[in-house]
C-alpha atoms as a PDB file:
ATOM      1  CA  MET A   1     -17.904 -64.002-105.854  1.00  0.00           C
ATOM      2  CA  SER A   2     -16.522 -60.507-106.338  1.00  0.00           C
ATOM      3  CA  LEU A   3     -12.946 -59.966-106.877  1.00  0.00           C
ATOM      4  CA  SER A   4     -12.342 -59.308-103.295  1.00  0.00           C
ATOM      5  CA  GLY A   5     -13.421 -62.899-102.413  1.00  0.00           C
ATOM      6  CA  LYS A   6     -16.590 -61.664-100.706  1.00  0.00           C
ATOM      7  CA  THR A   7     -20.094 -62.508-101.891  1.00  0.00           C
ATOM      8  CA  PRO A   8     -21.792 -59.392-103.246  1.00  0.00           C
ATOM      9  CA  PRO A   9     -24.724 -58.173-101.360  1.00  0.00           C
ATOM     10  CA  VAL A  10     -28.281 -59.220-102.707  1.00  0.00           C
ATOM     11  CA  LYS A  11     -30.117 -56.503-104.301  1.00  0.00           C
ATOM     12  CA  GLY A  12     -33.581 -55.900-105.504  1.00  0.00           C
ATOM     13  CA  PRO A  13     -36.610 -57.980-104.342  1.00  0.00           C
ATOM     14  CA  ALA A  14     -34.383 -60.802-103.171  1.00  0.00           C
ATOM     15  CA  SER A  15     -32.935 -58.666-100.526  1.00  0.00           C
ATOM     16  CA  TYR A  16     -36.201 -58.878 -98.572  1.00  0.00           C
ATOM     17  CA  PHE A  17     -36.177 -62.587 -98.636  1.00  0.00           C
ATOM     18  CA  PRO A  18     -34.453 -63.274 -95.099  1.00  0.00           C
ATOM     19  CA  SER A  19     -36.685 -61.059 -93.314  1.00  0.00           C
ATOM     20  CA  ILE A  20     -39.767 -62.340 -94.900  1.00  0.00           C
ATOM     21  CA  GLU A  21     -38.768 -65.936 -93.901  1.00  0.00           C
ATOM     22  CA  LYS A  22     -38.061 -64.748 -90.258  1.00  0.00           C
ATOM     23  CA  LYS A  23     -41.173 -62.753 -90.044  1.00  0.00           C
ATOM     24  CA  TYR A  24     -43.859 -65.018 -91.531  1.00  0.00           C
ATOM     25  CA  GLY A  25     -42.116 -68.368 -90.668  1.00  0.00           C
ATOM     26  CA  ARG A  26     -42.320 -69.998 -94.180  1.00  0.00           C
ATOM     27  CA  PRO A  27     -39.466 -70.431 -96.691  1.00  0.00           C
ATOM     28  CA  ILE A  28     -39.455 -68.293 -99.893  1.00  0.00           C
ATOM     29  CA  ALA A  29     -40.199 -71.520-102.059  1.00  0.00           C
ATOM     30  CA  GLU A  30     -43.636 -71.899-100.388  1.00  0.00           C
ATOM     31  CA  TRP A  31     -44.495 -68.203-101.088  1.00  0.00           C
ATOM     32  CA  LYS A  32     -43.580 -68.604-104.571  1.00  0.00           C
ATOM     33  CA  ALA A  33     -45.298 -71.913-105.079  1.00  0.00           C
ATOM     34  CA  LEU A  34     -48.553 -70.072-103.650  1.00  0.00           C
ATOM     35  CA  ILE A  35     -48.120 -67.263-106.098  1.00  0.00           C
ATOM     36  CA  ARG A  36     -47.529 -69.607-109.065  1.00  0.00           C
ATOM     37  CA  SER A  37     -50.853 -71.447-108.021  1.00  0.00           C
ATOM     38  CA  GLN A  38     -52.920 -68.284-108.590  1.00  0.00           C
ATOM     39  CA  SER A  39     -52.464 -68.204-112.311  1.00  0.00           C
ATOM     40  CA  GLY A  40     -54.361 -65.498-113.986  1.00  0.00           C
ATOM     41  CA  LEU A  41     -54.102 -62.936-111.439  1.00  0.00           C
ATOM     42  CA  LYS A  42     -52.112 -59.699-112.154  1.00  0.00           C
ATOM     43  CA  HIS A  43     -49.204 -58.347-110.150  1.00  0.00           C
ATOM     44  CA  MET A  44     -51.306 -56.104-107.861  1.00  0.00           C
ATOM     45  CA  GLU A  45     -54.038 -58.664-107.442  1.00  0.00           C
ATOM     46  CA  LEU A  46     -51.393 -61.140-106.180  1.00  0.00           C
ATOM     47  CA  VAL A  47     -50.058 -58.546-103.889  1.00  0.00           C
ATOM     48  CA  ALA A  48     -53.383 -57.940-102.385  1.00  0.00           C
ATOM     49  CA  LEU A  49     -53.985 -61.633-101.995  1.00  0.00           C
ATOM     50  CA  LEU A  50     -50.813 -61.983 -99.929  1.00  0.00           C
ATOM     51  CA  LYS A  51     -51.595 -58.951 -97.825  1.00  0.00           C
ATOM     52  CA  GLN A  52     -55.381 -59.882 -97.084  1.00  0.00           C
ATOM     53  CA  THR A  53     -55.109 -63.631 -96.922  1.00  0.00           C
ATOM     54  CA  HIS A  54     -51.662 -63.948 -95.245  1.00  0.00           C
ATOM     55  CA  GLY A  55     -50.957 -60.636 -93.445  1.00  0.00           C
ATOM     56  CA  LEU A  56     -47.939 -59.719 -95.452  1.00  0.00           C
ATOM     57  CA  GLY A  57     -46.888 -56.106 -95.574  1.00  0.00           C
ATOM     58  CA  HIS A  58     -47.016 -54.268 -98.913  1.00  0.00           C
ATOM     59  CA  GLY A  59     -43.244 -54.316 -99.453  1.00  0.00           C
ATOM     60  CA  HIS A  60     -42.791 -58.051 -98.625  1.00  0.00           C
ATOM     61  CA  ALA A  61     -45.771 -59.023-100.753  1.00  0.00           C
ATOM     62  CA  ASN A  62     -44.527 -56.839-103.759  1.00  0.00           C
ATOM     63  CA  ALA A  63     -40.981 -58.157-103.650  1.00  0.00           C
ATOM     64  CA  LEU A  64     -42.321 -61.860-103.580  1.00  0.00           C
ATOM     65  CA  VAL A  65     -44.595 -61.226-106.542  1.00  0.00           C
ATOM     66  CA  ALA A  66     -42.125 -59.145-108.512  1.00  0.00           C
ATOM     67  CA  HIS A  67     -39.244 -61.692-108.105  1.00  0.00           C
ATOM     68  CA  THR A  68     -41.491 -64.690-108.819  1.00  0.00           C
ATOM     69  CA  LEU A  69     -43.026 -63.135-111.884  1.00  0.00           C
ATOM     70  CA  ALA A  70     -39.657 -62.137-113.214  1.00  0.00           C
ATOM     71  CA  GLU A  71     -38.358 -65.598-112.712  1.00  0.00           C
ATOM     72  CA  ASP A  72     -41.336 -67.096-114.760  1.00  0.00           C
ATOM     73  CA  LYS A  73     -40.858 -64.824-117.903  1.00  0.00           C
END
């Protein structure tokens, strides 16, 4: 929490997570598990997979991949 007692706004890729869950109907944990199951693929290959196979928009796919790969470093 910040000094004002309010939770600071989420920034970066995670700021997309509520809209991703609402639009595609799957929790973020499922998307991250899917990304992690595709070991060996590069960032943009994972983005393309999410777009082509699951119909995600580029921004949503990129946010999920970026956040997941950053967590796994």
